[in-house]
């Protein structure tokens, strides 16, 4: 919901891989550098979540705000 930095999303993807979750898009997301993260996370997060069977909520969406609460 825009409350964490893109580099934190990449770190979370790395943590997910270490914890045993795996998918091609998650690996690509985890491999982002700090510079790439600011530009690429938005496009990479949706497919990574989809491959893991998780829901992607667009930033500032009502559904996303409700899920975050």
N, C-alpha and C. Protein backbone atom coordinates (compact mmCIF):
# COMPACT_ATOMS: atom_id res chain seq x y z
N UNK A 1 0.82 -1.19 0.00
CA UNK A 1 0.00 0.00 0.00
C UNK A 1 0.86 1.25 0.00
N UNK A 2 2.12 1.08 -0.39
CA UNK A 2 3.00 2.23 -0.48
C UNK A 2 3.63 2.63 0.83
N UNK A 3 3.56 1.76 1.83
CA UNK A 3 4.08 2.11 3.14
C UNK A 3 5.48 1.60 3.39
N UNK A 4 6.04 0.79 2.48
CA UNK A 4 7.42 0.33 2.65
C UNK A 4 8.19 0.62 1.37
N UNK A 5 9.50 0.64 1.51
CA UNK A 5 10.36 0.93 0.36
C UNK A 5 10.46 -0.29 -0.54
N UNK A 6 10.77 -0.05 -1.80
CA UNK A 6 10.93 -1.13 -2.77
C UNK A 6 12.04 -2.08 -2.34
N UNK A 7 13.09 -1.56 -1.73
CA UNK A 7 14.17 -2.44 -1.28
C UNK A 7 13.70 -3.37 -0.17
N UNK A 8 12.73 -2.95 0.62
CA UNK A 8 12.16 -3.83 1.65
C UNK A 8 11.36 -4.97 1.02
N UNK A 9 10.71 -4.70 -0.10
CA UNK A 9 9.99 -5.75 -0.82
C UNK A 9 10.98 -6.78 -1.35
N UNK A 10 12.09 -6.31 -1.89
CA UNK A 10 13.13 -7.22 -2.38
C UNK A 10 13.68 -8.06 -1.23
N UNK A 11 13.93 -7.44 -0.09
CA UNK A 11 14.41 -8.18 1.08
C UNK A 11 13.39 -9.22 1.51
N UNK A 12 12.12 -8.88 1.45
CA UNK A 12 11.06 -9.83 1.78
C UNK A 12 11.03 -11.01 0.82
N UNK A 13 11.29 -10.73 -0.45
CA UNK A 13 11.36 -11.81 -1.44
C UNK A 13 12.53 -12.73 -1.13
N UNK A 14 13.66 -12.18 -0.74
CA UNK A 14 14.82 -12.99 -0.34
C UNK A 14 14.48 -13.84 0.88
N UNK A 15 13.82 -13.24 1.86
CA UNK A 15 13.42 -13.98 3.06
C UNK A 15 12.46 -15.12 2.71
N UNK A 16 11.56 -14.87 1.77
CA UNK A 16 10.61 -15.89 1.35
C UNK A 16 11.33 -17.07 0.70
N UNK A 17 12.34 -16.79 -0.12
CA UNK A 17 13.11 -17.87 -0.73
C UNK A 17 13.84 -18.68 0.33
N UNK A 18 14.45 -18.01 1.28
CA UNK A 18 15.17 -18.70 2.36
C UNK A 18 14.21 -19.57 3.17
N UNK A 19 12.97 -19.10 3.34
CA UNK A 19 11.97 -19.83 4.11
C UNK A 19 11.38 -21.02 3.35
N UNK A 20 11.74 -21.15 2.05
CA UNK A 20 11.28 -22.30 1.28
C UNK A 20 10.25 -22.02 0.22
N UNK A 21 9.73 -20.80 0.14
CA UNK A 21 8.83 -20.46 -0.96
C UNK A 21 9.67 -20.30 -2.21
N UNK A 22 9.10 -20.64 -3.36
CA UNK A 22 9.88 -20.52 -4.60
C UNK A 22 8.96 -20.39 -5.79
N UNK A 23 9.33 -19.52 -6.70
CA UNK A 23 8.69 -19.39 -8.00
C UNK A 23 9.64 -18.59 -8.88
N UNK A 24 9.51 -18.72 -10.18
CA UNK A 24 10.41 -17.97 -11.07
C UNK A 24 10.35 -16.46 -10.85
N UNK A 25 9.14 -15.92 -10.72
CA UNK A 25 9.02 -14.46 -10.55
C UNK A 25 9.54 -14.02 -9.19
N UNK A 26 9.40 -14.86 -8.17
CA UNK A 26 9.93 -14.52 -6.85
C UNK A 26 11.45 -14.45 -6.90
N UNK A 27 12.08 -15.36 -7.66
CA UNK A 27 13.54 -15.32 -7.81
C UNK A 27 13.98 -14.05 -8.51
N UNK A 28 13.25 -13.64 -9.54
CA UNK A 28 13.60 -12.40 -10.26
C UNK A 28 13.45 -11.20 -9.33
N UNK A 29 12.38 -11.18 -8.55
CA UNK A 29 12.16 -10.08 -7.61
C UNK A 29 13.27 -10.04 -6.56
N UNK A 30 13.66 -11.18 -6.04
CA UNK A 30 14.70 -11.24 -5.02
C UNK A 30 16.06 -10.83 -5.57
N UNK A 31 16.26 -10.96 -6.87
CA UNK A 31 17.55 -10.64 -7.48
C UNK A 31 17.72 -9.16 -7.82
N UNK A 32 16.70 -8.35 -7.59
CA UNK A 32 16.79 -6.92 -7.91
C UNK A 32 17.85 -6.24 -7.04
N UNK A 33 18.62 -5.37 -7.66
CA UNK A 33 19.55 -4.54 -6.91
C UNK A 33 18.78 -3.37 -6.30
N UNK A 34 19.44 -2.62 -5.43
CA UNK A 34 18.77 -1.46 -4.83
C UNK A 34 18.32 -0.47 -5.90
N UNK A 35 19.15 -0.26 -6.89
CA UNK A 35 18.81 0.68 -7.96
C UNK A 35 17.63 0.16 -8.78
N UNK A 36 17.65 -1.11 -9.12
CA UNK A 36 16.57 -1.70 -9.91
C UNK A 36 15.26 -1.74 -9.14
N UNK A 37 15.34 -1.92 -7.84
CA UNK A 37 14.13 -2.08 -7.03
C UNK A 37 13.16 -0.92 -7.20
N UNK A 38 13.65 0.29 -7.18
CA UNK A 38 12.77 1.46 -7.29
C UNK A 38 12.00 1.49 -8.61
N UNK A 39 12.57 0.89 -9.63
CA UNK A 39 11.95 0.91 -10.96
C UNK A 39 11.18 -0.37 -11.28
N UNK A 40 11.62 -1.51 -10.75
CA UNK A 40 11.10 -2.80 -11.19
C UNK A 40 10.13 -3.49 -10.24
N UNK A 41 10.16 -3.17 -8.97
CA UNK A 41 9.33 -3.89 -8.00
C UNK A 41 7.86 -3.82 -8.35
N UNK A 42 7.39 -2.68 -8.77
CA UNK A 42 5.96 -2.54 -9.08
C UNK A 42 5.53 -3.55 -10.15
N UNK A 43 6.36 -3.74 -11.16
CA UNK A 43 6.02 -4.67 -12.25
C UNK A 43 6.26 -6.13 -11.88
N UNK A 44 7.18 -6.38 -10.97
CA UNK A 44 7.54 -7.76 -10.62
C UNK A 44 6.71 -8.34 -9.48
N UNK A 45 6.14 -7.49 -8.66
CA UNK A 45 5.42 -7.97 -7.48
C UNK A 45 4.16 -8.74 -7.85
N UNK A 46 3.38 -8.24 -8.78
CA UNK A 46 2.12 -8.90 -9.16
C UNK A 46 2.34 -10.34 -9.63
N UNK A 47 3.27 -10.58 -10.60
CA UNK A 47 3.46 -11.98 -11.02
C UNK A 47 4.04 -12.87 -9.92
N UNK A 48 4.89 -12.31 -9.07
CA UNK A 48 5.45 -13.11 -7.98
C UNK A 48 4.35 -13.55 -7.02
N UNK A 49 3.48 -12.64 -6.65
CA UNK A 49 2.37 -12.98 -5.76
C UNK A 49 1.42 -13.97 -6.42
N UNK A 50 1.14 -13.76 -7.70
CA UNK A 50 0.24 -14.66 -8.44
C UNK A 50 0.78 -16.09 -8.45
N UNK A 51 2.08 -16.24 -8.73
CA UNK A 51 2.68 -17.57 -8.77
C UNK A 51 2.64 -18.26 -7.42
N UNK A 52 2.59 -17.48 -6.35
CA UNK A 52 2.52 -18.06 -5.00
C UNK A 52 1.09 -18.23 -4.52
N UNK A 53 0.13 -17.86 -5.36
CA UNK A 53 -1.28 -17.99 -5.00
C UNK A 53 -1.77 -16.91 -4.06
N UNK A 54 -1.07 -15.76 -4.06
CA UNK A 54 -1.43 -14.65 -3.19
C UNK A 54 -2.09 -13.54 -4.00
N UNK A 55 -2.86 -12.71 -3.35
CA UNK A 55 -3.58 -11.63 -4.01
C UNK A 55 -2.74 -10.36 -4.07
N UNK A 56 -2.73 -9.72 -5.22
CA UNK A 56 -2.08 -8.42 -5.40
C UNK A 56 -3.15 -7.35 -5.34
N UNK A 57 -2.93 -6.36 -4.49
CA UNK A 57 -3.85 -5.22 -4.40
C UNK A 57 -3.16 -3.99 -4.94
N UNK A 58 -3.75 -3.31 -5.92
CA UNK A 58 -3.14 -2.08 -6.43
C UNK A 58 -3.00 -1.04 -5.31
N UNK A 59 -1.95 -0.25 -5.41
CA UNK A 59 -1.70 0.80 -4.42
C UNK A 59 -2.91 1.73 -4.34
N UNK A 60 -3.25 2.10 -3.14
CA UNK A 60 -4.34 3.03 -2.84
C UNK A 60 -5.73 2.47 -3.15
N UNK A 61 -5.84 1.16 -3.40
CA UNK A 61 -7.16 0.57 -3.63
C UNK A 61 -7.87 0.37 -2.30
N UNK A 62 -9.18 0.45 -2.33
CA UNK A 62 -9.98 0.24 -1.14
C UNK A 62 -9.80 -1.20 -0.63
N UNK A 63 -9.80 -2.15 -1.56
CA UNK A 63 -9.63 -3.55 -1.17
C UNK A 63 -8.27 -3.76 -0.49
N UNK A 64 -7.24 -3.13 -1.02
CA UNK A 64 -5.91 -3.23 -0.42
C UNK A 64 -5.85 -2.60 0.95
N UNK A 65 -6.49 -1.47 1.11
CA UNK A 65 -6.52 -0.81 2.43
C UNK A 65 -7.28 -1.66 3.43
N UNK A 66 -8.36 -2.28 2.99
CA UNK A 66 -9.12 -3.14 3.89
C UNK A 66 -8.32 -4.38 4.27
N UNK A 67 -7.59 -4.97 3.32
CA UNK A 67 -6.78 -6.15 3.59
C UNK A 67 -5.63 -5.80 4.52
N UNK A 68 -5.06 -4.61 4.37
CA UNK A 68 -3.95 -4.18 5.21
C UNK A 68 -4.40 -3.94 6.65
N UNK A 69 -5.65 -3.52 6.79
CA UNK A 69 -6.19 -3.25 8.13
C UNK A 69 -6.44 -4.55 8.82
